[in-house]
Amino acid sequence: MTLAADTPASSYVPSSSITRCTVAPIDNALRFAPPHSTGSVEVVVTSEVISVIVRDSGPGIQGIDPARIFDRFAHSGAAVDGGGDGKAGFGIGLSLVREIVVRYGGSVDVLDSSSTGTAISFTVPRSSG
């Protein structure tokens, strides 16, 4: 059951960590999507979990297996070659997302990656309070 958008939802994950988990995929979407493209952030709340889904309309994950983007220091070919904004990252943003959500019993996944965009989701359990 998905709850209404105005339903309060809490998790045991500290707010600063939730912010980090949300900003990292948004930063990647902004870095690698073409100028003037669209993206979205969706929050899905069920009775058991909170999920955040970040979608972009970029070229998709290239030069690396999508499952490896959560590995520490992993880079796609585009990142290494200066793709997107021309700045290669350190390859730790998405690995920190995985570390945080797994620490609190959640998961992070690439839902989709194609030439029309990428969708990354992280899910954490709701707290009972």
Protein backbone atom coordinates (compact mmCIF):
# COMPACT_ATOMS: atom_id res chain seq x y z
CA MET A 1 0.00 0.00 0.00
CA THR A 2 1.38 3.41 -0.98
CA LEU A 3 0.45 6.19 1.41
CA ALA A 4 -0.65 9.72 0.53
CA ALA A 5 2.09 12.26 -0.25
CA ASP A 6 1.26 14.27 2.87
CA THR A 7 1.61 11.26 5.19
CA PRO A 8 4.44 11.87 7.67
CA ALA A 9 7.16 9.26 7.43
CA SER A 10 10.15 8.78 9.65
CA SER A 11 13.16 6.51 9.55
CA TYR A 12 16.03 5.70 11.89
CA VAL A 13 18.41 7.18 9.31
CA PRO A 14 19.65 10.60 10.49
CA SER A 15 18.38 13.51 8.40
CA SER A 16 21.92 14.49 7.37
CA SER A 17 22.43 10.99 5.99
CA ILE A 18 19.11 11.04 4.11
CA THR A 19 20.19 14.38 2.64
CA ARG A 20 23.52 12.87 1.50
CA CYS A 21 21.70 9.89 -0.01
CA THR A 22 19.39 12.20 -1.96
CA VAL A 23 21.99 14.74 -3.08
CA ALA A 24 24.51 12.20 -4.48
CA PRO A 25 22.26 10.80 -7.25
CA ILE A 26 20.90 14.28 -8.00
CA ASP A 27 24.47 15.56 -8.35
CA ASN A 28 25.25 12.73 -10.78
CA ALA A 29 22.07 13.43 -12.75
CA LEU A 30 22.98 17.11 -13.05
CA ARG A 31 26.58 16.31 -13.96
CA PHE A 32 25.87 13.83 -16.75
CA ALA A 33 22.51 14.89 -18.21
CA PRO A 34 22.54 17.25 -21.19
CA PRO A 35 21.83 20.95 -20.59
CA HIS A 36 18.13 21.82 -20.45
CA SER A 37 17.10 18.18 -19.94
CA THR A 38 14.60 17.12 -17.32
CA GLY A 39 14.82 15.03 -14.21
CA SER A 40 12.69 14.16 -11.25
CA VAL A 41 12.85 13.13 -7.62
CA GLU A 42 10.02 10.93 -6.38
CA VAL A 43 9.39 9.87 -2.79
CA VAL A 44 7.29 6.75 -2.27
CA VAL A 45 6.11 5.94 1.24
CA THR A 46 4.54 2.62 2.15
CA SER A 47 3.62 1.25 5.53
CA GLU A 48 7.07 -0.39 5.74
CA VAL A 49 9.58 1.65 3.69
CA ILE A 50 10.50 5.05 2.31
CA SER A 51 11.92 5.07 -1.22
CA VAL A 52 13.54 7.96 -3.07
CA ILE A 53 13.85 7.64 -6.85
CA VAL A 54 16.01 10.05 -8.87
CA ARG A 55 15.51 10.03 -12.64
CA ASP A 56 17.37 11.91 -15.32
CA SER A 57 17.16 12.11 -19.11
CA GLY A 58 20.89 11.76 -19.70
CA PRO A 59 22.74 9.23 -21.84
CA GLY A 60 22.57 6.40 -19.29
CA ILE A 61 25.43 4.78 -17.41
CA GLN A 62 28.27 4.21 -19.84
CA GLY A 63 31.66 2.56 -19.58
CA ILE A 64 30.91 0.62 -16.40
CA ASP A 65 28.52 -2.11 -15.31
CA PRO A 66 25.61 -0.26 -13.63
CA ALA A 67 25.90 -2.55 -10.60
CA ARG A 68 29.46 -1.30 -10.04
CA ILE A 69 28.56 2.40 -9.71
CA PHE A 70 28.07 1.81 -5.98
CA ASP A 71 31.64 0.51 -5.56
CA ARG A 72 34.05 2.90 -3.87
CA PHE A 73 36.23 4.79 -6.39
CA ALA A 74 34.30 3.39 -9.37
CA HIS A 75 34.10 5.66 -12.42
CA SER A 76 32.25 5.35 -15.67
CA GLY A 77 34.18 5.87 -18.87
CA ALA A 78 32.42 9.23 -19.28
CA ALA A 79 33.52 10.36 -15.81
CA VAL A 80 37.12 9.37 -16.39
CA ASP A 81 37.13 11.02 -19.81
CA GLY A 82 35.65 14.21 -18.37
CA GLY A 83 32.06 13.58 -19.45
CA GLY A 84 29.18 15.72 -18.31
CA ASP A 85 30.49 18.94 -16.78
CA GLY A 86 34.12 18.05 -17.48
CA LYS A 87 34.85 17.29 -13.83
CA ALA A 88 35.64 13.74 -12.83
CA GLY A 89 34.41 12.91 -9.34
CA PHE A 90 36.18 10.81 -6.77
CA GLY A 91 33.82 7.85 -7.13
CA ILE A 92 32.65 7.89 -3.53
CA GLY A 93 29.24 9.60 -3.61
CA LEU A 94 27.13 6.61 -4.58
CA SER A 95 29.26 4.22 -2.52
CA LEU A 96 28.45 6.34 0.54
CA VAL A 97 24.76 6.12 -0.34
CA ARG A 98 25.03 2.34 -0.37
CA GLU A 99 26.95 2.27 2.92
CA ILE A 100 24.38 4.47 4.64
CA VAL A 101 21.24 2.70 3.46
CA VAL A 102 22.67 -0.79 4.05
CA ARG A 103 23.75 0.23 7.57
CA TYR A 104 20.10 1.02 8.32
CA GLY A 105 18.64 -2.08 6.63
CA GLY A 106 17.89 -0.55 3.24
CA SER A 107 19.04 -0.96 -0.33
CA VAL A 108 20.08 1.07 -3.35
CA ASP A 109 19.56 0.05 -6.98
CA VAL A 110 19.83 1.18 -10.56
CA LEU A 111 16.23 0.80 -11.67
CA ASP A 112 16.92 1.72 -15.27
CA SER A 113 19.77 2.94 -17.42
CA SER A 114 19.41 3.47 -21.14
CA SER A 115 20.11 6.08 -23.78
CA THR A 116 17.02 7.94 -22.53
CA GLY A 117 18.14 8.25 -18.92
CA THR A 118 18.91 6.64 -15.60
CA ALA A 119 16.80 5.97 -12.52
CA ILE A 120 18.44 5.28 -9.17
CA SER A 121 16.45 4.35 -6.07
CA PHE A 122 17.29 4.00 -2.42
CA THR A 123 14.94 2.49 0.12
CA VAL A 124 15.08 2.57 3.91
CA PRO A 125 12.77 1.02 6.47
CA ARG A 126 10.30 3.30 8.23
CA SER A 127 10.61 3.68 11.96
CA SER A 128 7.64 2.79 14.10
CA GLY A 129 7.56 6.26 15.65
